[in-house]
Protein backbone atom coordinates (compact mmCIF):
# COMPACT_ATOMS: atom_id res chain seq x y z
CA UNK A 1 -24.10 1.14 -1.59
CA UNK A 2 -26.50 -1.44 -0.22
CA UNK A 3 -24.80 -2.71 3.19
CA UNK A 4 -27.24 -5.00 3.75
CA UNK A 5 -26.98 -6.42 7.20
CA UNK A 6 -23.32 -6.34 8.24
CA UNK A 7 -23.54 -3.08 10.05
CA UNK A 8 -25.99 -4.33 12.01
CA UNK A 9 -24.44 -7.66 12.74
CA UNK A 10 -21.61 -8.19 15.22
CA UNK A 11 -19.31 -11.41 15.06
CA UNK A 12 -16.93 -12.44 18.12
CA UNK A 13 -13.14 -12.30 16.70
CA UNK A 14 -9.66 -13.09 18.21
CA UNK A 15 -7.79 -9.90 18.80
CA UNK A 16 -4.57 -11.73 17.95
CA UNK A 17 -5.90 -13.13 14.85
CA UNK A 18 -6.87 -9.36 13.60
CA UNK A 19 -4.49 -7.88 11.00
CA UNK A 20 -3.72 -4.28 10.66
CA UNK A 21 -4.03 -2.71 6.98
CA UNK A 22 -0.86 -1.31 6.32
CA UNK A 23 -2.58 0.97 3.48
CA UNK A 24 -4.33 3.03 5.87
CA UNK A 25 -4.20 6.84 4.95
CA UNK A 26 -3.17 7.68 8.67
CA UNK A 27 0.11 6.23 8.03
CA UNK A 28 2.99 7.50 6.14
CA UNK A 29 3.22 6.23 2.52
CA UNK A 30 6.85 6.39 2.32
CA UNK A 31 7.44 3.80 5.17
CA UNK A 32 6.75 -0.05 5.30
CA UNK A 33 4.69 -1.55 8.04
CA UNK A 34 5.04 -5.41 8.95
CA UNK A 35 5.39 -5.51 12.69
CA UNK A 36 3.06 -4.14 15.32
CA UNK A 37 5.91 -2.00 16.44
CA UNK A 38 5.85 -0.14 12.98
CA UNK A 39 2.27 0.66 13.35
CA UNK A 40 3.02 2.02 16.82
CA UNK A 41 5.84 3.80 15.98
CA UNK A 42 3.82 5.75 13.31
CA UNK A 43 1.12 6.39 15.60
CA UNK A 44 3.19 8.15 18.46
CA UNK A 45 5.61 9.99 16.40
CA UNK A 46 3.81 13.18 17.10
CA UNK A 47 3.59 14.45 20.84
CA UNK A 48 0.01 15.10 20.51
CA UNK A 49 -0.82 11.67 18.79
CA UNK A 50 1.03 9.94 21.05
CA UNK A 51 -0.90 11.72 23.98
CA UNK A 52 -4.27 10.59 22.42
CA UNK A 53 -3.33 7.31 21.87
CA UNK A 54 -1.97 6.66 25.53
CA UNK A 55 -5.68 8.35 26.62
CA UNK A 56 -7.32 5.62 24.42
CA UNK A 57 -5.15 3.05 26.10
CA UNK A 58 -6.11 4.21 29.32
CA UNK A 59 -9.88 4.33 28.89
CA UNK A 60 -9.88 0.80 27.78
CA UNK A 61 -7.71 -0.39 30.93
CA UNK A 62 -10.28 1.59 33.17
CA UNK A 63 -13.60 1.12 31.63
CA UNK A 64 -13.03 -1.83 29.34
CA UNK A 65 -13.42 -2.10 25.55
CA UNK A 66 -16.61 -0.50 24.66
CA UNK A 67 -17.06 -0.48 21.26
CA UNK A 68 -19.70 2.39 20.67
CA UNK A 69 -18.43 2.88 16.99
CA UNK A 70 -17.70 -0.35 14.94
CA UNK A 71 -14.82 -2.06 14.29
CA UNK A 72 -14.88 -2.85 10.59
CA UNK A 73 -12.91 -5.74 8.87
CA UNK A 74 -13.13 -7.82 5.79
CA UNK A 75 -11.53 -10.86 4.89
CA UNK A 76 -8.82 -11.25 2.35
CA UNK A 77 -9.60 -13.65 -0.20
CA UNK A 78 -6.06 -14.99 -0.81
CA UNK A 79 -5.04 -15.52 2.42
CA UNK A 80 -7.96 -15.73 4.53
CA UNK A 81 -7.12 -13.22 7.36
CA UNK A 82 -9.41 -10.37 8.99
CA UNK A 83 -7.86 -6.97 8.10
CA UNK A 84 -9.05 -3.90 9.94
CA UNK A 85 -10.30 -1.05 7.83
CA UNK A 86 -11.73 1.20 10.52
CA UNK A 87 -10.87 0.98 14.10
CA UNK A 88 -7.09 0.41 13.44
CA UNK A 89 -5.90 2.37 16.63
CA UNK A 90 -8.37 0.75 18.92
CA UNK A 91 -7.05 -2.41 17.76
CA UNK A 92 -3.36 -1.61 18.20
CA UNK A 93 -4.23 -0.20 21.81
CA UNK A 94 -5.89 -3.88 22.67
CA UNK A 95 -3.17 -5.68 21.03
CA UNK A 96 -0.58 -3.33 23.46
CA UNK A 97 -2.36 -4.20 26.46
CA UNK A 98 -2.50 -7.96 25.65
CA UNK A 99 1.34 -7.97 24.99
CA UNK A 100 3.18 -4.68 26.71
CA UNK A 101 6.46 -5.93 25.89
CA UNK A 102 5.78 -5.16 22.41
CA UNK A 103 5.41 -1.52 22.98
CA UNK A 104 8.30 1.01 21.86
CA UNK A 105 10.29 1.78 24.76
CA UNK A 106 9.08 5.32 25.00
CA UNK A 107 5.68 4.06 26.24
CA UNK A 108 6.49 0.87 27.38
CA UNK A 109 6.16 1.34 31.18
CA UNK A 110 2.88 3.17 30.62
CA UNK A 111 1.35 0.48 28.82
CA UNK A 112 2.60 -2.14 31.09
CA UNK A 113 0.88 0.20 34.10
CA UNK A 114 -2.50 0.25 32.09
CA UNK A 115 -2.16 -3.37 31.31
CA UNK A 116 -1.97 -4.43 34.71
CA UNK A 117 -5.41 -2.79 35.67
CA UNK A 118 -7.29 -5.10 32.79
CA UNK A 119 -7.88 -8.95 32.52
CA UNK A 120 -6.26 -10.38 29.29
CA UNK A 121 -9.32 -12.72 28.86
CA UNK A 122 -11.82 -9.80 28.90
CA UNK A 123 -9.82 -8.29 25.37
CA UNK A 124 -9.27 -11.55 23.93
CA UNK A 125 -11.99 -11.18 21.54
CA UNK A 126 -14.19 -8.32 20.32
CA UNK A 127 -16.96 -7.84 18.37
CA UNK A 128 -16.54 -6.77 14.98
CA UNK A 129 -18.46 -5.20 11.72
CA UNK A 130 -17.36 -8.28 9.05
CA UNK A 131 -17.89 -6.27 5.66
CA UNK A 132 -18.73 -8.69 2.71
CA UNK A 133 -15.51 -7.30 0.52
CA UNK A 134 -13.29 -4.30 0.81
CA UNK A 135 -15.12 -2.47 -1.45
CA UNK A 136 -18.01 -2.48 1.07
CA UNK A 137 -15.44 -1.47 3.98
CA UNK A 138 -14.30 1.04 1.58
CA UNK A 139 -17.57 2.42 1.24
CA UNK A 140 -17.95 2.83 5.21
CA UNK A 141 -14.42 4.25 5.59
CA UNK A 142 -15.02 6.98 3.34
CA UNK A 143 -18.36 7.63 5.15
CA UNK A 144 -16.92 7.59 8.53
CA UNK A 145 -13.87 9.75 7.94
CA UNK A 146 -15.90 12.44 5.90
CA UNK A 147 -19.10 12.98 8.45
CA UNK A 148 -18.32 11.33 11.83
CA UNK A 149 -17.31 13.59 14.81
CA UNK A 150 -17.44 10.53 17.27
CA UNK A 151 -13.93 9.65 16.79
CA UNK A 152 -10.25 10.91 15.69
CA UNK A 153 -11.04 11.89 12.05
CA UNK A 154 -8.40 11.69 8.99
CA UNK A 155 -6.25 14.77 8.75
CA UNK A 156 -6.69 16.69 5.56
CA UNK A 157 -3.50 15.35 3.95
CA UNK A 158 -4.98 11.45 4.98
CA UNK A 159 -8.40 12.19 3.35
CA UNK A 160 -6.71 13.79 0.43
CA UNK A 161 -4.40 10.59 0.06
CA UNK A 162 -7.20 8.31 0.42
CA UNK A 163 -9.22 10.23 -2.29
CA UNK A 164 -6.33 9.13 -4.47
CA UNK A 165 -6.24 5.79 -3.68
CA UNK A 166 -9.90 5.93 -5.06
CA UNK A 167 -8.95 7.88 -7.92
CA UNK A 168 -6.33 5.40 -8.97
CA UNK A 169 -8.55 1.99 -8.16
CA UNK A 170 -11.55 3.51 -10.20
CA UNK A 171 -9.85 4.87 -13.18
CA UNK A 172 -10.36 8.70 -13.00
CA UNK A 173 -14.27 7.99 -12.66
CA UNK A 174 -14.90 10.90 -10.74
CA UNK A 175 -18.80 10.02 -10.64
CA UNK A 176 -17.74 6.76 -8.81
CA UNK A 177 -15.41 8.40 -6.29
CA UNK A 178 -18.37 11.09 -5.48
CA UNK A 179 -20.61 8.51 -4.80
CA UNK A 180 -18.29 7.10 -1.98
CA UNK A 181 -16.96 10.43 -0.69
CA UNK A 182 -20.03 12.57 -1.17
CA UNK A 183 -17.38 15.40 -2.19
CA UNK A 184 -18.40 17.56 -5.28
CA UNK A 185 -16.77 17.32 -8.59
CA UNK A 186 -15.16 20.84 -7.52
CA UNK A 187 -13.88 19.42 -4.24
CA UNK A 188 -12.36 16.26 -5.87
CA UNK A 189 -10.48 18.09 -8.58
CA UNK A 190 -9.14 20.59 -6.30
CA UNK A 191 -7.74 17.72 -4.20
CA UNK A 192 -6.24 15.79 -7.14
CA UNK A 193 -4.76 19.07 -8.62
CA UNK A 194 -3.21 19.86 -5.09
CA UNK A 195 -1.36 16.53 -5.00
CA UNK A 196 -0.37 16.82 -8.46
CA UNK A 197 1.50 19.71 -7.61
CA UNK A 198 2.89 18.45 -4.36
CA UNK A 199 4.55 15.57 -6.43
CA UNK A 200 6.77 18.43 -8.28
CA UNK A 201 9.17 17.83 -5.45
CA UNK A 202 9.87 14.26 -6.91
CA UNK A 203 10.85 16.13 -10.06
CA UNK A 204 14.82 16.19 -10.48
CA UNK A 205 14.63 19.85 -11.19
CA UNK A 206 13.10 20.36 -7.90
CA UNK A 207 14.59 17.82 -5.72
CA UNK A 208 18.41 19.04 -6.92
CA UNK A 209 17.68 22.19 -5.32
CA UNK A 210 16.76 20.85 -1.76
CA UNK A 211 19.03 19.04 0.97
CA UNK A 212 18.28 15.67 2.06
CA UNK A 213 16.66 17.13 5.03
CA UNK A 214 14.24 19.43 3.09
CA UNK A 215 13.25 16.76 0.84
CA UNK A 216 12.55 14.07 3.24
CA UNK A 217 10.20 16.87 4.99
CA UNK A 218 8.46 17.50 1.62
CA UNK A 219 7.74 14.30 1.04
CA UNK A 220 6.72 13.67 4.56
CA UNK A 221 2.70 12.74 4.74
CA UNK A 222 3.11 15.59 7.58
CA UNK A 223 4.20 18.26 5.26
CA UNK A 224 2.26 21.77 5.71
CA UNK A 225 -0.46 21.04 2.63
CA UNK A 226 -2.49 23.80 3.80
CA UNK A 227 0.44 26.15 3.08
CA UNK A 228 0.88 25.08 -0.47
CA UNK A 229 -3.06 24.78 -0.78
CA UNK A 230 -3.46 28.19 0.40
CA UNK A 231 -0.98 29.84 -2.22
CA UNK A 232 -2.11 28.22 -5.25
CA UNK A 233 -5.51 28.98 -4.35
CA UNK A 234 -5.02 32.60 -5.04
CA UNK A 235 -5.44 33.25 -8.72
CA UNK A 236 -2.88 36.28 -8.58
CA UNK A 237 -0.33 33.65 -7.43
CA UNK A 238 -1.18 31.24 -9.95
CA UNK A 239 -1.12 34.31 -12.74
CA UNK A 240 2.23 35.46 -11.41
CA UNK A 241 3.87 31.99 -11.82
CA UNK A 242 1.86 30.87 -15.02
CA UNK A 243 -0.60 28.09 -13.52
CA UNK A 244 -3.64 27.28 -15.09
CA UNK A 245 -5.90 24.55 -14.07
CA UNK A 246 -8.25 22.50 -16.39
CA UNK A 247 -10.56 19.88 -14.51
CA UNK A 248 -7.83 17.72 -12.61
CA UNK A 249 -5.26 18.77 -15.09
CA UNK A 250 -2.26 21.53 -13.82
CA UNK A 251 -0.93 23.34 -17.03
CA UNK A 252 2.29 25.02 -16.75
CA UNK A 253 2.16 28.42 -19.14
CA UNK A 254 5.76 29.79 -18.10
CA UNK A 255 8.89 28.86 -18.46
CA UNK A 256 9.32 25.49 -16.87
CA UNK A 257 13.00 25.74 -15.34
CA UNK A 258 12.06 29.14 -14.02
CA UNK A 259 9.03 27.95 -12.78
CA UNK A 260 10.83 24.76 -10.88
CA UNK A 261 13.35 27.36 -9.41
CA UNK A 262 10.77 29.15 -7.74
CA UNK A 263 8.75 25.99 -6.46
CA UNK A 264 11.79 24.89 -4.96
CA UNK A 265 12.58 27.65 -3.30
CA UNK A 266 8.95 27.96 -2.19
CA UNK A 267 9.13 24.53 -0.29
CA UNK A 268 12.28 25.32 1.46
CA UNK A 269 10.40 28.40 2.83
CA UNK A 270 7.33 25.77 3.63
CA UNK A 271 9.40 23.27 5.24
CA UNK A 272 12.09 25.70 6.96
CA UNK A 273 11.59 27.23 10.64
CA UNK A 274 11.41 30.64 9.62
CA UNK A 275 7.61 31.52 9.48
CA UNK A 276 7.72 35.40 9.74
CA UNK A 277 6.16 36.87 6.00
CA UNK A 278 7.84 40.11 6.56
CA UNK A 279 11.09 38.20 7.32
CA UNK A 280 10.84 36.22 3.88
CA UNK A 281 8.79 33.45 5.54
CA UNK A 282 5.68 31.88 4.70
CA UNK A 283 2.90 30.38 7.21
CA UNK A 284 -0.19 29.39 7.30
CA UNK A 285 -1.57 32.71 8.27
CA UNK A 286 -0.71 34.19 5.16
CA UNK A 287 -3.44 36.54 3.38
CA UNK A 288 -3.85 37.90 -0.30
CA UNK A 289 -2.26 40.89 0.70
CA UNK A 290 0.72 39.13 2.14
CA UNK A 291 1.22 37.37 -1.63
CA UNK A 292 3.44 40.67 -3.07
CA UNK A 293 5.93 40.44 0.07
CA UNK A 294 6.05 36.63 -0.49
CA UNK A 295 6.51 36.52 -4.33
CA UNK A 296 9.26 39.47 -3.90
CA UNK A 297 11.15 36.70 -1.70
CA UNK A 298 10.89 34.24 -4.15
CA UNK A 299 12.69 33.73 -7.61
CA UNK A 300 11.24 35.32 -10.46
CA UNK A 301 9.12 33.20 -12.72
CA UNK A 302 10.04 33.98 -16.61
CA UNK A 303 7.67 33.67 -19.48
CA UNK A 304 10.56 33.96 -21.64
CA UNK A 305 11.24 30.53 -24.27
CA UNK A 306 7.90 28.75 -22.72
CA UNK A 307 7.78 24.95 -23.82
CA UNK A 308 4.98 24.54 -26.66
CA UNK A 309 3.55 21.69 -24.41
CA UNK A 310 3.41 22.80 -21.12
CA UNK A 311 0.79 20.18 -19.87
CA UNK A 312 2.53 18.74 -16.99
CA UNK A 313 -0.10 15.84 -16.35
CA UNK A 314 -2.98 14.03 -17.91
CA UNK A 315 -5.50 11.95 -15.97
CA UNK A 316 -4.13 8.81 -17.11
CA UNK A 317 -0.31 9.80 -16.01
CA UNK A 318 -1.62 10.56 -12.39
CA UNK A 319 -1.03 7.25 -9.96
CA UNK A 320 -1.12 6.79 -6.54
CA UNK A 321 2.67 6.34 -5.60
CA UNK A 322 3.38 2.55 -4.47
CA UNK A 323 4.99 1.79 -1.25
CA UNK A 324 8.43 1.23 -3.34
CA UNK A 325 7.91 4.64 -4.98
CA UNK A 326 7.77 2.84 -8.49
CA UNK A 327 5.07 4.96 -10.20
CA UNK A 328 6.69 8.13 -8.98
CA UNK A 329 9.89 7.13 -10.44
CA UNK A 330 8.76 5.97 -14.04
CA UNK A 331 6.31 9.21 -14.21
CA UNK A 332 9.31 11.48 -13.61
CA UNK A 333 11.92 9.10 -15.49
CA UNK A 334 14.29 8.83 -12.28
CA UNK A 335 15.41 5.70 -10.91
CA UNK A 336 15.10 4.95 -7.38
CA UNK A 337 17.88 5.57 -4.79
CA UNK A 338 19.73 2.39 -4.87
CA UNK A 339 21.13 1.89 -0.78
CA UNK A 340 22.66 -1.48 0.11
CA UNK A 341 23.39 -0.40 3.71
CA UNK A 342 20.15 -2.31 4.78
CA UNK A 343 19.53 -5.03 7.63
CA UNK A 344 19.71 -8.70 6.10
CA UNK A 345 22.47 -7.49 3.77
CA UNK A 346 25.85 -8.86 5.24
CA UNK A 347 27.50 -7.03 2.54
CA UNK A 348 26.75 -3.50 3.90
CA UNK A 349 29.19 -0.95 4.47
CA UNK A 350 28.45 -0.25 7.93
CA UNK A 351 27.48 -2.69 11.18
CA UNK A 352 24.11 0.00 11.74
CA UNK A 353 21.92 -0.08 8.75
CA UNK A 354 21.53 3.62 7.40
CA UNK A 355 17.65 4.02 8.60
CA UNK A 356 18.04 2.79 11.93
CA UNK A 357 17.44 5.37 14.61
CA UNK A 358 18.05 5.38 18.37
CA UNK A 359 16.04 7.50 20.73
CA UNK A 360 17.57 7.94 24.21
CA UNK A 361 18.29 10.55 26.86
CA UNK A 362 21.58 8.34 27.52
CA UNK A 363 24.19 10.62 25.86
CA UNK A 364 27.03 8.01 26.16
CA UNK A 365 24.99 5.43 24.27
CA UNK A 366 23.78 7.67 21.95
CA UNK A 367 27.37 9.05 20.73
CA UNK A 368 28.42 5.32 20.76
CA UNK A 369 25.70 4.64 18.27
CA UNK A 370 26.37 7.67 16.20
CA UNK A 371 29.96 6.42 16.01
CA UNK A 372 29.36 2.73 15.46
CA UNK A 373 26.80 3.86 12.47
CA UNK A 374 29.79 5.47 10.71
CA UNK A 375 32.46 3.49 11.09
CA UNK A 376 33.34 1.50 7.95
CA UNK A 377 34.80 -2.10 7.87
CA UNK A 378 38.53 -0.98 7.49
CA UNK A 379 38.02 -0.54 11.15
CA UNK A 380 36.54 -4.01 11.81
CA UNK A 381 38.33 -4.77 15.11
CA UNK A 382 37.21 -1.64 16.49
CA UNK A 383 33.86 -2.25 15.28
CA UNK A 384 33.51 -5.64 16.89
CA UNK A 385 34.87 -4.18 20.06
CA UNK A 386 32.28 -1.24 20.40
CA UNK A 387 29.57 -3.71 19.49
CA UNK A 388 30.05 -5.67 22.61
CA UNK A 389 30.34 -2.47 24.86
CA UNK A 390 27.43 -1.15 22.85
CA UNK A 391 25.30 -4.43 23.81
CA UNK A 392 26.87 -3.95 28.06
CA UNK A 393 25.45 -0.39 27.92
CA UNK A 394 22.04 -1.06 26.17
CA UNK A 395 21.48 -3.78 28.84
CA UNK A 396 22.37 -1.29 31.51
CA UNK A 397 20.26 0.89 30.05
CA UNK A 398 17.24 -1.40 29.95
CA UNK A 399 17.75 -2.10 33.92
CA UNK A 400 17.67 1.39 34.81
CA UNK A 401 14.39 2.34 32.42
CA UNK A 402 12.74 -0.66 33.94
CA UNK A 403 13.43 0.36 37.31
CA UNK A 404 14.92 -2.96 38.51
CA UNK A 405 18.56 -1.84 39.16
CA UNK A 406 17.88 -2.06 43.04
CA UNK A 407 16.53 -5.54 43.05
CA UNK A 408 19.90 -6.82 40.42
CA UNK A 409 22.57 -5.32 42.83
CA UNK A 410 20.60 -6.70 45.79
CA UNK A 411 20.43 -10.39 43.81
CA UNK A 412 24.47 -9.99 43.32
CA UNK A 413 25.34 -7.91 46.32
CA UNK A 414 27.36 -5.36 44.54
CA UNK A 415 26.67 -2.13 42.06
CA UNK A 416 25.49 -2.49 38.90
CA UNK A 417 29.02 -1.29 37.34
CA UNK A 418 30.57 -4.22 38.96
CA UNK A 419 28.09 -6.90 37.75
CA UNK A 420 29.15 -8.25 34.52
CA UNK A 421 27.29 -8.76 31.24
CA UNK A 422 26.39 -12.77 31.57
CA UNK A 423 25.00 -12.13 35.43
CA UNK A 424 22.85 -9.01 33.81
CA UNK A 425 21.73 -11.08 31.03
CA UNK A 426 20.84 -14.08 32.92
CA UNK A 427 18.81 -11.91 35.54
CA UNK A 428 16.63 -10.36 33.18
CA UNK A 429 16.24 -13.82 31.05
CA UNK A 430 14.92 -15.25 34.46
CA UNK A 431 13.17 -12.21 36.14
CA UNK A 432 11.69 -10.20 33.15
CA UNK A 433 8.85 -10.98 30.92
CA UNK A 434 10.39 -10.53 27.43
CA UNK A 435 9.02 -11.78 24.00
CA UNK A 436 9.74 -14.99 22.95
CA UNK A 437 12.31 -13.39 20.37
CA UNK A 438 14.39 -11.59 22.99
CA UNK A 439 14.44 -14.63 25.19
CA UNK A 440 15.76 -17.12 22.44
CA UNK A 441 18.57 -14.33 21.65
CA UNK A 442 19.39 -14.30 25.15
CA UNK A 443 19.71 -18.13 25.63
CA UNK A 444 21.82 -18.10 22.40
CA UNK A 445 24.10 -15.27 23.80
CA UNK A 446 24.42 -17.68 27.12
CA UNK A 447 24.73 -21.13 25.36
CA UNK A 448 28.60 -21.52 25.30
CA UNK A 449 28.19 -24.57 22.58
CA UNK A 450 26.73 -22.01 20.02
CA UNK A 451 29.93 -21.66 18.24
CA UNK A 452 28.57 -18.33 16.54
CA UNK A 453 26.52 -15.55 18.15
CA UNK A 454 27.68 -15.67 22.00
CA UNK A 455 28.83 -14.02 24.83
CA UNK A 456 31.67 -15.76 24.32
CA UNK A 457 32.47 -14.14 20.78
CA UNK A 458 31.86 -10.70 22.16
CA UNK A 459 34.55 -11.20 24.88
CA UNK A 460 36.77 -12.50 22.46
CA UNK A 461 36.75 -9.53 20.43
CA UNK A 462 38.29 -7.89 23.90
CA UNK A 463 40.29 -10.31 25.08
CA UNK A 464 40.88 -12.85 22.83
CA UNK A 465 43.38 -12.94 19.75
CA UNK A 466 41.32 -15.12 17.08
CA UNK A 467 40.04 -12.73 14.03
CA UNK A 468 38.13 -15.33 11.92
CA UNK A 469 35.03 -13.86 13.64
CA UNK A 470 35.61 -10.11 12.84
CA UNK A 471 34.92 -10.32 8.99
CA UNK A 472 32.24 -7.73 7.61
CA UNK A 473 29.73 -10.59 6.82
CA UNK A 474 30.13 -12.01 10.25
CA UNK A 475 29.72 -8.72 12.16
CA UNK A 476 26.80 -7.64 9.86
CA UNK A 477 24.79 -11.00 10.54
CA UNK A 478 25.75 -10.83 14.31
CA UNK A 479 23.97 -7.23 14.31
CA UNK A 480 21.04 -8.15 12.32
CA UNK A 481 20.79 -11.48 15.18
CA UNK A 482 21.10 -9.12 18.09
CA UNK A 483 18.64 -6.53 16.47
CA UNK A 484 15.26 -8.32 18.07
CA UNK A 485 16.93 -7.69 21.57
CA UNK A 486 18.09 -4.46 21.02
CA UNK A 487 14.28 -3.69 20.19
CA UNK A 488 13.37 -4.69 23.65
CA UNK A 489 16.44 -2.93 25.58
CA UNK A 490 16.26 0.13 23.55
CA UNK A 491 13.81 2.47 21.86
CA UNK A 492 15.58 1.82 18.70
CA UNK A 493 13.68 1.56 14.79
CA UNK A 494 14.58 0.94 11.61
């Protein structure tokens, strides 16, 4: 790969104009990443990674942005936007320092504190290396995350997914992938086989034996691949279960149904909490000597009534799972689950979309959220009343978490519990640095001339007699209207 001068030449680019890369292998491939908040939520989803990210933000706020390692971007020819191929964590940190209000609730106070130590002008623009195209950026990504120790490298799972992305892009041409990753043929084949084995969880013969929680943990990018890898690296384990390797192909030589039963149980043990091998569990520390005990704790794999064609995959069949899971669904002939209980669909059966999650230590608020999530529109009047109460509690929670309770009580010369919702919203709008969307929503709520999504409508659910604003469609639209404000008030995500 001839990198020319682009790795030497640096160009200033506005931080606000840099787009984040949604296909970054650091991210969970099961999720969509559209807003900055989506990227941040994934970065801090694990405590250790959250601490590392906050250390990065702190270092920038104290020492300024020092680009010791390149920020590599490429320009998308379709929309002419610049996307970050390498350095997404650092760019996210800069974006949050410029706009602390866009931070998730759990880290917003810390980000605000760090942002107060740095001027936004100093991080308005940064120097980046502009790759002439994505292929060149791709080459750098592979080199950087395979060999560099100066920054946080990808996890084994992230590296595996990146290899599969390359495998799909280059139609299985191993020599091309080897040239980009510097891996041997053996290492590439091993990685691809392991991911094929993991993808057995998408077969109905396997996932039908898993609970919803077990299946979600198994398909997660945080699944303990090292245990699965260690198990199938043992020749005795493959022999006992009738697994044979042929290049990148995985062949099942035993009875498939019997194998799938045992495989499902193995997955249950990997995602379960019990890791004591002697008590039937499995963990990353097991050795070849532990294999008999582990196999005894799993269903027996039969070699009776073996299918004539037991080759599970051919190279052509193996594709990278797309964001909508289409390739996986086609490969396994299982239709994608249909769930219309999502935001934006005002016909959904529950007010709160199924994928909406609230993180809070306020038990009353959490329980109210859970109850509101379960109510169907056969209880539409209950839903409308609870929505008004939920907004009020959310505003009070925001006031407490932001440390402005004393100020607002002094402003109105009364305790917080005696300050009405309208006054609290007016105070927040006037005195807090909200994002434009949240400010717009509060203005509409407080505007009596707005006939629909107003505080008057919410108050009418409790004190009024009209019912025409209590339909499923209207209430669902009202929640969707309020949701960006809830994102500011609470630690809530979809």
